[in-house]
Amino acid sequence: AIISYGFDEARAAFAAANVALHTLTDFETLLQLADG
């Protein structure tokens, strides 16, 4: 995925489905750039 909101609900759902999620970036990085 390009990006995920990073919700615990999503992490648990992917783990339960035995699917590893790989994202290009995250919201923490976005916030740092937007703030800067």
PDB file of all heavy atoms in Angstrom:
ATOM      1  N   ALA A   1       0.859  -1.184   0.000  1.00  0.00           N
ATOM      2  CA  ALA A   1       0.000   0.000   0.000  1.00  0.00           C
ATOM      3  C   ALA A   1       0.891   1.229   0.000  1.00  0.00           C
ATOM      4  O   ALA A   1       2.018   1.198   0.503  1.00  0.00           O
ATOM      5  CB  ALA A   1      -0.917   0.020   1.213  1.00  0.00           C
ATOM      6  N   ILE A   2       0.376   2.309  -0.573  1.00  0.00           N
ATOM      7  CA  ILE A   2       1.142   3.552  -0.565  1.00  0.00           C
ATOM      8  C   ILE A   2       1.285   4.045   0.873  1.00  0.00           C
ATOM      9  O   ILE A   2       2.371   4.418   1.302  1.00  0.00           O
ATOM     10  CB  ILE A   2       0.455   4.618  -1.427  1.00  0.00           C
ATOM     11  CG1 ILE A   2       0.397   4.156  -2.893  1.00  0.00           C
ATOM     12  CG2 ILE A   2       1.205   5.955  -1.323  1.00  0.00           C
ATOM     13  CD1 ILE A   2      -0.449   5.040  -3.784  1.00  0.00           C
ATOM     14  N   ILE A   3       0.186   3.990   1.609  1.00  0.00           N
ATOM     15  CA  ILE A   3       0.198   4.475   2.986  1.00  0.00           C
ATOM     16  C   ILE A   3      -0.918   3.811   3.773  1.00  0.00           C
ATOM     17  O   ILE A   3      -1.926   3.388   3.206  1.00  0.00           O
ATOM     18  CB  ILE A   3       0.043   6.013   3.022  1.00  0.00           C
ATOM     19  CG1 ILE A   3       0.327   6.566   4.424  1.00  0.00           C
ATOM     20  CG2 ILE A   3      -1.325   6.439   2.515  1.00  0.00           C
ATOM     21  CD1 ILE A   3       0.456   8.081   4.455  1.00  0.00           C
ATOM     22  N   SER A   4      -0.716   3.689   5.066  1.00  0.00           N
ATOM     23  CA  SER A   4      -1.734   3.157   5.970  1.00  0.00           C
ATOM     24  C   SER A   4      -1.931   4.144   7.110  1.00  0.00           C
ATOM     25  O   SER A   4      -0.990   4.838   7.514  1.00  0.00           O
ATOM     26  CB  SER A   4      -1.296   1.802   6.534  1.00  0.00           C
ATOM     27  OG  SER A   4      -2.134   1.407   7.607  1.00  0.00           O
ATOM     28  N   TYR A   5      -3.145   4.214   7.617  1.00  0.00           N
ATOM     29  CA  TYR A   5      -3.385   5.058   8.791  1.00  0.00           C
ATOM     30  C   TYR A   5      -2.717   4.470  10.032  1.00  0.00           C
ATOM     31  O   TYR A   5      -2.547   5.165  11.025  1.00  0.00           O
ATOM     32  CB  TYR A   5      -4.889   5.204   9.031  1.00  0.00           C
ATOM     33  CG  TYR A   5      -5.529   6.267   8.171  1.00  0.00           C
ATOM     34  CD1 TYR A   5      -6.101   5.938   6.950  1.00  0.00           C
ATOM     35  CD2 TYR A   5      -5.544   7.599   8.565  1.00  0.00           C
ATOM     36  CE1 TYR A   5      -6.678   6.908   6.144  1.00  0.00           C
ATOM     37  CE2 TYR A   5      -6.119   8.574   7.763  1.00  0.00           C
ATOM     38  CZ  TYR A   5      -6.685   8.223   6.560  1.00  0.00           C
ATOM     39  OH  TYR A   5      -7.243   9.189   5.754  1.00  0.00           O
ATOM     40  N   GLY A   6      -2.360   3.198   9.969  1.00  0.00           N
ATOM     41  CA  GLY A   6      -1.647   2.587  11.084  1.00  0.00           C
ATOM     42  C   GLY A   6      -2.524   2.223  12.266  1.00  0.00           C
ATOM     43  O   GLY A   6      -2.022   2.087  13.395  1.00  0.00           O
ATOM     44  N   PHE A   7      -3.820   2.043  12.040  1.00  0.00           N
ATOM     45  CA  PHE A   7      -4.717   1.678  13.131  1.00  0.00           C
ATOM     46  C   PHE A   7      -4.387   0.289  13.670  1.00  0.00           C
ATOM     47  O   PHE A   7      -4.056  -0.624  12.915  1.00  0.00           O
ATOM     48  CB  PHE A   7      -6.174   1.672  12.652  1.00  0.00           C
ATOM     49  CG  PHE A   7      -6.712   3.021  12.258  1.00  0.00           C
ATOM     50  CD1 PHE A   7      -7.759   3.116  11.351  1.00  0.00           C
ATOM     51  CD2 PHE A   7      -6.200   4.196  12.791  1.00  0.00           C
ATOM     52  CE1 PHE A   7      -8.270   4.347  10.981  1.00  0.00           C
ATOM     53  CE2 PHE A   7      -6.706   5.430  12.437  1.00  0.00           C
ATOM     54  CZ  PHE A   7      -7.747   5.504  11.527  1.00  0.00           C
ATOM     55  N   ASP A   8      -4.505   0.132  14.983  1.00  0.00           N
ATOM     56  CA  ASP A   8      -4.303  -1.181  15.596  1.00  0.00           C
ATOM     57  C   ASP A   8      -5.269  -2.207  15.017  1.00  0.00           C
ATOM     58  O   ASP A   8      -4.926  -3.380  14.844  1.00  0.00           O
ATOM     59  CB  ASP A   8      -4.499  -1.097  17.113  1.00  0.00           C
ATOM     60  CG  ASP A   8      -3.380  -0.340  17.812  1.00  0.00           C
ATOM     61  OD1 ASP A   8      -2.283  -0.214  17.212  1.00  0.00           O
ATOM     62  OD2 ASP A   8      -3.600   0.132  18.945  1.00  0.00           O
ATOM     63  N   GLU A   9      -6.477  -1.761  14.714  1.00  0.00           N
ATOM     64  CA  GLU A   9      -7.501  -2.635  14.141  1.00  0.00           C
ATOM     65  C   GLU A   9      -7.026  -3.250  12.824  1.00  0.00           C
ATOM     66  O   GLU A   9      -7.223  -4.440  12.564  1.00  0.00           O
ATOM     67  CB  GLU A   9      -8.777  -1.827  13.905  1.00  0.00           C
ATOM     68  CG  GLU A   9      -9.918  -2.589  13.285  1.00  0.00           C
ATOM     69  CD  GLU A   9     -11.148  -1.713  13.077  1.00  0.00           C
ATOM     70  OE1 GLU A   9     -11.159  -0.564  13.552  1.00  0.00           O
ATOM     71  OE2 GLU A   9     -12.103  -2.196  12.440  1.00  0.00           O
ATOM     72  N   ALA A  10      -6.387  -2.453  11.994  1.00  0.00           N
ATOM     73  CA  ALA A  10      -5.880  -2.942  10.711  1.00  0.00           C
ATOM     74  C   ALA A  10      -4.719  -3.904  10.918  1.00  0.00           C
ATOM     75  O   ALA A  10      -4.649  -4.959  10.268  1.00  0.00           O
ATOM     76  CB  ALA A  10      -5.453  -1.776   9.831  1.00  0.00           C
ATOM     77  N   ARG A  11      -3.794  -3.554  11.819  1.00  0.00           N
ATOM     78  CA  ARG A  11      -2.653  -4.439  12.085  1.00  0.00           C
ATOM     79  C   ARG A  11      -3.123  -5.804  12.570  1.00  0.00           C
ATOM     80  O   ARG A  11      -2.617  -6.845  12.124  1.00  0.00           O
ATOM     81  CB  ARG A  11      -1.721  -3.792  13.116  1.00  0.00           C
ATOM     82  CG  ARG A  11      -0.800  -2.742  12.535  1.00  0.00           C
ATOM     83  CD  ARG A  11       0.298  -2.382  13.522  1.00  0.00           C
ATOM     84  NE  ARG A  11      -0.220  -1.591  14.621  1.00  0.00           N
ATOM     85  CZ  ARG A  11      -0.215  -0.258  14.645  1.00  0.00           C
ATOM     86  NH1 ARG A  11       0.283   0.416  13.623  1.00  0.00           N
ATOM     87  NH2 ARG A  11      -0.692   0.409  15.679  1.00  0.00           N
ATOM     88  N   ALA A  12      -4.109  -5.799  13.466  1.00  0.00           N
ATOM     89  CA  ALA A  12      -4.628  -7.066  13.992  1.00  0.00           C
ATOM     90  C   ALA A  12      -5.321  -7.875  12.901  1.00  0.00           C
ATOM     91  O   ALA A  12      -5.187  -9.108  12.843  1.00  0.00           O
ATOM     92  CB  ALA A  12      -5.599  -6.789  15.142  1.00  0.00           C
ATOM     93  N   ALA A  13      -6.054  -7.190  12.028  1.00  0.00           N
ATOM     94  CA  ALA A  13      -6.787  -7.878  10.963  1.00  0.00           C
ATOM     95  C   ALA A  13      -5.830  -8.523   9.961  1.00  0.00           C
ATOM     96  O   ALA A  13      -6.039  -9.673   9.542  1.00  0.00           O
ATOM     97  CB  ALA A  13      -7.716  -6.906  10.253  1.00  0.00           C
ATOM     98  N   PHE A  14      -4.769  -7.817   9.584  1.00  0.00           N
ATOM     99  CA  PHE A  14      -3.797  -8.391   8.655  1.00  0.00           C
ATOM    100  C   PHE A  14      -3.057  -9.562   9.295  1.00  0.00           C
ATOM    101  O   PHE A  14      -2.797 -10.578   8.639  1.00  0.00           O
ATOM    102  CB  PHE A  14      -2.816  -7.322   8.178  1.00  0.00           C
ATOM    103  CG  PHE A  14      -3.299  -6.536   6.998  1.00  0.00           C
ATOM    104  CD1 PHE A  14      -4.027  -5.366   7.178  1.00  0.00           C
ATOM    105  CD2 PHE A  14      -3.042  -6.960   5.703  1.00  0.00           C
ATOM    106  CE1 PHE A  14      -4.495  -4.635   6.084  1.00  0.00           C
ATOM    107  CE2 PHE A  14      -3.499  -6.245   4.609  1.00  0.00           C
ATOM    108  CZ  PHE A  14      -4.234  -5.080   4.799  1.00  0.00           C
ATOM    109  N   ALA A  15      -2.723  -9.424  10.570  1.00  0.00           N
ATOM    110  CA  ALA A  15      -2.039 -10.511  11.272  1.00  0.00           C
ATOM    111  C   ALA A  15      -2.929 -11.747  11.344  1.00  0.00           C
ATOM    112  O   ALA A  15      -2.469 -12.877  11.126  1.00  0.00           O
ATOM    113  CB  ALA A  15      -1.636 -10.059  12.672  1.00  0.00           C
ATOM    114  N   ALA A  16      -4.217 -11.541  11.635  1.00  0.00           N
ATOM    115  CA  ALA A  16      -5.155 -12.668  11.729  1.00  0.00           C
ATOM    116  C   ALA A  16      -5.318 -13.361  10.385  1.00  0.00           C
ATOM    117  O   ALA A  16      -5.558 -14.577  10.323  1.00  0.00           O
ATOM    118  CB  ALA A  16      -6.508 -12.176  12.241  1.00  0.00           C
ATOM    119  N   ALA A  17      -5.184 -12.594   9.307  1.00  0.00           N
ATOM    120  CA  ALA A  17      -5.329 -13.161   7.963  1.00  0.00           C
ATOM    121  C   ALA A  17      -4.010 -13.725   7.431  1.00  0.00           C
ATOM    122  O   ALA A  17      -3.962 -14.250   6.306  1.00  0.00           O
ATOM    123  CB  ALA A  17      -5.846 -12.098   7.003  1.00  0.00           C
ATOM    124  N   ASN A  18      -2.945 -13.634   8.238  1.00  0.00           N
ATOM    125  CA  ASN A  18      -1.616 -14.096   7.823  1.00  0.00           C
ATOM    126  C   ASN A  18      -1.140 -13.405   6.545  1.00  0.00           C
ATOM    127  O   ASN A  18      -0.627 -14.043   5.622  1.00  0.00           O
ATOM    128  CB  ASN A  18      -1.602 -15.623   7.641  1.00  0.00           C
ATOM    129  CG  ASN A  18      -1.779 -16.363   8.939  1.00  0.00           C
ATOM    130  OD1 ASN A  18      -1.140 -16.041   9.941  1.00  0.00           O
ATOM    131  ND2 ASN A  18      -2.663 -17.360   8.958  1.00  0.00           N
ATOM    132  N   VAL A  19      -1.341 -12.092   6.514  1.00  0.00           N
ATOM    133  CA  VAL A  19      -0.886 -11.274   5.389  1.00  0.00           C
ATOM    134  C   VAL A  19       0.033 -10.180   5.936  1.00  0.00           C
ATOM    135  O   VAL A  19      -0.351  -9.443   6.838  1.00  0.00           O
ATOM    136  CB  VAL A  19      -2.064 -10.626   4.638  1.00  0.00           C
ATOM    137  CG1 VAL A  19      -1.554  -9.703   3.525  1.00  0.00           C
ATOM    138  CG2 VAL A  19      -2.987 -11.688   4.061  1.00  0.00           C
ATOM    139  N   ALA A  20       1.243 -10.094   5.388  1.00  0.00           N
ATOM    140  CA  ALA A  20       2.183  -9.046   5.789  1.00  0.00           C
ATOM    141  C   ALA A  20       1.909  -7.797   4.954  1.00  0.00           C
ATOM    142  O   ALA A  20       1.870  -7.867   3.721  1.00  0.00           O
ATOM    143  CB  ALA A  20       3.612  -9.517   5.583  1.00  0.00           C
ATOM    144  N   LEU A  21       1.712  -6.660   5.622  1.00  0.00           N
ATOM    145  CA  LEU A  21       1.451  -5.399   4.935  1.00  0.00           C
ATOM    146  C   LEU A  21       2.732  -4.570   4.851  1.00  0.00           C
ATOM    147  O   LEU A  21       3.395  -4.339   5.856  1.00  0.00           O
ATOM    148  CB  LEU A  21       0.369  -4.607   5.675  1.00  0.00           C
ATOM    149  CG  LEU A  21       0.054  -3.215   5.125  1.00  0.00           C
ATOM    150  CD1 LEU A  21      -0.469  -3.303   3.695  1.00  0.00           C
ATOM    151  CD2 LEU A  21      -0.949  -2.490   6.027  1.00  0.00           C
ATOM    152  N   HIS A  22       3.044  -4.112   3.640  1.00  0.00           N
ATOM    153  CA  HIS A  22       4.240  -3.299   3.396  1.00  0.00           C
ATOM    154  C   HIS A  22       3.793  -1.963   2.811  1.00  0.00           C
ATOM    155  O   HIS A  22       3.109  -1.930   1.787  1.00  0.00           O
ATOM    156  CB  HIS A  22       5.167  -3.998   2.403  1.00  0.00           C
ATOM    157  CG  HIS A  22       5.425  -5.440   2.716  1.00  0.00           C
ATOM    158  ND1 HIS A  22       6.466  -5.858   3.509  1.00  0.00           N
ATOM    159  CD2 HIS A  22       4.752  -6.569   2.343  1.00  0.00           C
ATOM    160  CE1 HIS A  22       6.445  -7.184   3.609  1.00  0.00           C
ATOM    161  NE2 HIS A  22       5.409  -7.633   2.907  1.00  0.00           N
ATOM    162  N   THR A  23       4.167  -0.853   3.447  1.00  0.00           N
ATOM    163  CA  THR A  23       3.752   0.462   2.961  1.00  0.00           C
ATOM    164  C   THR A  23       4.965   1.311   2.565  1.00  0.00           C
ATOM    165  O   THR A  23       6.062   1.127   3.104  1.00  0.00           O
ATOM    166  CB  THR A  23       2.939   1.219   4.023  1.00  0.00           C
ATOM    167  OG1 THR A  23       3.754   1.451   5.176  1.00  0.00           O
ATOM    168  CG2 THR A  23       1.698   0.424   4.433  1.00  0.00           C
ATOM    169  N   LEU A  24       4.722   2.235   1.638  1.00  0.00           N
ATOM    170  CA  LEU A  24       5.799   3.112   1.184  1.00  0.00           C
ATOM    171  C   LEU A  24       6.128   4.197   2.194  1.00  0.00           C
ATOM    172  O   LEU A  24       7.277   4.606   2.330  1.00  0.00           O
ATOM    173  CB  LEU A  24       5.422   3.767  -0.147  1.00  0.00           C
ATOM    174  CG  LEU A  24       5.275   2.846  -1.352  1.00  0.00           C
ATOM    175  CD1 LEU A  24       4.950   3.659  -2.600  1.00  0.00           C
ATOM    176  CD2 LEU A  24       6.538   2.018  -1.575  1.00  0.00           C
ATOM    177  N   THR A  25       5.105   4.680   2.894  1.00  0.00           N
ATOM    178  CA  THR A  25       5.336   5.734   3.868  1.00  0.00           C
ATOM    179  C   THR A  25       4.297   5.634   4.974  1.00  0.00           C
ATOM    180  O   THR A  25       3.475   4.705   4.969  1.00  0.00           O
ATOM    181  CB  THR A  25       5.309   7.123   3.199  1.00  0.00           C
ATOM    182  OG1 THR A  25       5.797   8.102   4.117  1.00  0.00           O
ATOM    183  CG2 THR A  25       3.916   7.493   2.724  1.00  0.00           C
ATOM    184  N   ASP A  26       4.350   6.560   5.924  1.00  0.00           N
ATOM    185  CA  ASP A  26       3.414   6.526   7.044  1.00  0.00           C
ATOM    186  C   ASP A  26       3.034   7.951   7.430  1.00  0.00           C
ATOM    187  O   ASP A  26       3.644   8.928   6.973  1.00  0.00           O
ATOM    188  CB  ASP A  26       4.009   5.782   8.238  1.00  0.00           C
ATOM    189  CG  ASP A  26       5.379   6.301   8.630  1.00  0.00           C
ATOM    190  OD1 ASP A  26       5.542   7.534   8.751  1.00  0.00           O
ATOM    191  OD2 ASP A  26       6.293   5.481   8.803  1.00  0.00           O
ATOM    192  N   PHE A  27       2.043   8.072   8.275  1.00  0.00           N
ATOM    193  CA  PHE A  27       1.543   9.388   8.632  1.00  0.00           C
ATOM    194  C   PHE A  27       2.493  10.168   9.536  1.00  0.00           C
ATOM    195  O   PHE A  27       2.482  11.399   9.534  1.00  0.00           O
ATOM    196  CB  PHE A  27       0.154   9.282   9.264  1.00  0.00           C
ATOM    197  CG  PHE A  27      -0.937   9.300   8.242  1.00  0.00           C
ATOM    198  CD1 PHE A  27      -1.423   8.114   7.728  1.00  0.00           C
ATOM    199  CD2 PHE A  27      -1.439  10.492   7.753  1.00  0.00           C
ATOM    200  CE1 PHE A  27      -2.411   8.112   6.758  1.00  0.00           C
ATOM    201  CE2 PHE A  27      -2.426  10.509   6.785  1.00  0.00           C
ATOM    202  CZ  PHE A  27      -2.918   9.318   6.283  1.00  0.00           C
ATOM    203  N   GLU A  28       3.309   9.479  10.302  1.00  0.00           N
ATOM    204  CA  GLU A  28       4.288  10.187  11.121  1.00  0.00           C
ATOM    205  C   GLU A  28       5.252  10.965  10.221  1.00  0.00           C
ATOM    206  O   GLU A  28       5.574  12.129  10.482  1.00  0.00           O
ATOM    207  CB  GLU A  28       5.055   9.214  12.006  1.00  0.00           C
ATOM    208  CG  GLU A  28       6.111   9.868  12.892  1.00  0.00           C
ATOM    209  CD  GLU A  28       5.534  10.938  13.816  1.00  0.00           C
ATOM    210  OE1 GLU A  28       4.375  10.791  14.275  1.00  0.00           O
ATOM    211  OE2 GLU A  28       6.245  11.941  14.065  1.00  0.00           O
ATOM    212  N   THR A  29       5.697  10.316   9.143  1.00  0.00           N
ATOM    213  CA  THR A  29       6.580  10.977   8.190  1.00  0.00           C
ATOM    214  C   THR A  29       5.872  12.149   7.520  1.00  0.00           C
ATOM    215  O   THR A  29       6.444  13.235   7.350  1.00  0.00           O
ATOM    216  CB  THR A  29       7.063   9.976   7.125  1.00  0.00           C
ATOM    217  OG1 THR A  29       7.725   8.886   7.773  1.00  0.00           O
ATOM    218  CG2 THR A  29       8.033  10.634   6.155  1.00  0.00           C
ATOM    219  N   LEU A  30       4.618  11.953   7.143  1.00  0.00           N
ATOM    220  CA  LEU A  30       3.834  13.028   6.534  1.00  0.00           C
ATOM    221  C   LEU A  30       3.716  14.236   7.461  1.00  0.00           C
ATOM    222  O   LEU A  30       3.891  15.379   7.043  1.00  0.00           O
ATOM    223  CB  LEU A  30       2.434  12.524   6.176  1.00  0.00           C
ATOM    224  CG  LEU A  30       2.267  11.775   4.858  1.00  0.00           C
ATOM    225  CD1 LEU A  30       0.880  11.174   4.784  1.00  0.00           C
ATOM    226  CD2 LEU A  30       2.499  12.707   3.684  1.00  0.00           C
ATOM    227  N   LEU A  31       3.411  13.971   8.724  1.00  0.00           N
ATOM    228  CA  LEU A  31       3.243  15.057   9.683  1.00  0.00           C
ATOM    229  C   LEU A  31       4.550  15.821   9.895  1.00  0.00           C
ATOM    230  O   LEU A  31       4.557  17.043  10.007  1.00  0.00           O
ATOM    231  CB  LEU A  31       2.732  14.521  11.007  1.00  0.00           C
ATOM    232  CG  LEU A  31       1.246  14.150  11.071  1.00  0.00           C
ATOM    233  CD1 LEU A  31       0.899  13.590  12.439  1.00  0.00           C
ATOM    234  CD2 LEU A  31       0.379  15.351  10.750  1.00  0.00           C
ATOM    235  N   GLN A  32       5.657  15.086   9.947  1.00  0.00           N
ATOM    236  CA  GLN A  32       6.955  15.742  10.124  1.00  0.00           C
ATOM    237  C   GLN A  32       7.258  16.678   8.963  1.00  0.00           C
ATOM    238  O   GLN A  32       7.705  17.814   9.154  1.00  0.00           O
ATOM    239  CB  GLN A  32       8.051  14.687  10.254  1.00  0.00           C
ATOM    240  CG  GLN A  32       8.022  13.918  11.566  1.00  0.00           C
ATOM    241  CD  GLN A  32       9.066  12.815  11.609  1.00  0.00           C
ATOM    242  OE1 GLN A  32       9.875  12.676  10.703  1.00  0.00           O
ATOM    243  NE2 GLN A  32       9.039  12.021  12.666  1.00  0.00           N
ATOM    244  N   LEU A  33       6.992  16.202   7.736  1.00  0.00           N
ATOM    245  CA  LEU A  33       7.246  17.031   6.560  1.00  0.00           C
ATOM    246  C   LEU A  33       6.299  18.223   6.503  1.00  0.00           C
ATOM    247  O   LEU A  33       6.701  19.346   6.189  1.00  0.00           O
ATOM    248  CB  LEU A  33       7.111  16.189   5.284  1.00  0.00           C
ATOM    249  CG  LEU A  33       8.219  15.173   5.007  1.00  0.00           C
ATOM    250  CD1 LEU A  33       7.910  14.383   3.744  1.00  0.00           C
ATOM    251  CD2 LEU A  33       9.570  15.869   4.862  1.00  0.00           C
ATOM    252  N   ALA A  34       5.020  17.967   6.775  1.00  0.00           N
ATOM    253  CA  ALA A  34       4.021  19.043   6.738  1.00  0.00           C
ATOM    254  C   ALA A  34       4.321  20.101   7.783  1.00  0.00           C
ATOM    255  O   ALA A  34       4.170  21.298   7.538  1.00  0.00           O
ATOM    256  CB  ALA A  34       2.627  18.471   6.951  1.00  0.00           C
ATOM    257  N   ASP A  35       4.775  19.657   8.948  1.00  0.00           N
ATOM    258  CA  ASP A  35       5.134  20.588  10.024  1.00  0.00           C
ATOM    259  C   ASP A  35       6.370  21.389   9.628  1.00  0.00           C
ATOM    260  O   ASP A  35       6.418  22.614   9.762  1.00  0.00           O
ATOM    261  CB  ASP A  35       5.391  19.791  11.302  1.00  0.00           C
ATOM    262  CG  ASP A  35       5.569  20.679  12.529  1.00  0.00           C
ATOM    263  OD1 ASP A  35       5.267  21.890  12.432  1.00  0.00           O
ATOM    264  OD2 ASP A  35       6.006  20.174  13.573  1.00  0.00           O
ATOM    265  N   GLY A  36       7.373  20.681   9.101  1.00  0.00           N
ATOM    266  CA  GLY A  36       8.608  21.352   8.711  1.00  0.00           C
ATOM    267  C   GLY A  36       8.421  22.350   7.584  1.00  0.00           C
ATOM    268  O   GLY A  36       9.088  23.390   7.541  1.00  0.00           O
TER     269      GLY A  36
END
